[in-house]
Amino acid sequence: MIVNSAVFGEMDVDVHAVYNIPGGLLGFEDQEKYALITKQDEDVTLKWFQAVEDVVPCFVVFDPFDIIEGYDPIVEPSDLKHLGCKTFEELTFLVIAVVPEDMTQTTVNLKSPIILNKSNQLARQVILANRDYPVRFSLFPQPAFEEPAVAAESPAE
C-alpha cells in the first residue's frame, strides 16, 4: 500500500502494518487509518504512527514497556471490547511522543496510549484508569534544580 508522509515522502507500507481506528485519535478524529512504520537507526529502533489517507499527522511513538519498568496499564473492559480482544497478551501498546527542537525535553503521554490488536488490525487510543501515569513524562532525566549559591556576607566592621 502506498502512503504519503510529510516525514518520509511516498513509501510502500505492508498492509499488515495498517490499523483501523474507529473514531480516530484524540484531536484527530477524522483520520481513522494509520500505518505503524518502524526504522532501524544503528542500534535504536524508531517508530512512527502515520495517517494513511493524508500526509499528516505522523507521530513518533514508543513502546511504554521499554520506557517504564513495571508499566502496568489498567484498560477498561469497554476498550478491550472495542478492540475485539480476548486476551491482554494480544495487544501492543504505543505512547505518543512530543519532540521539541531541544530533544532532551521530549515527553511521552503514558496516560493515553494507543493500543493495537494485531490479530484484527484494530487500534484505539484510551485513557487508562491508572491515576499515576502522566500525560507529559520526560524521556530524559532532568537535572535537579539547585538554588544559586549566595555569597556569605562579611560581618560589619
Foldseek 3Di string as FASTA:
>chain_A
DWAAAPVPGIDDADPLQKAAEQQDAVVPRVQGIWGWDWDDDPPDIWIWTARRPDRDDIFTKDQVCVQDPPLDFADDPVQCVVQVHDDPVQKGWIWTWDADPPNQQIFTASQWIWIARSVVRYIYTDGTPDPPTHGGHGSHDDDDDDDDDDDDDDDDD
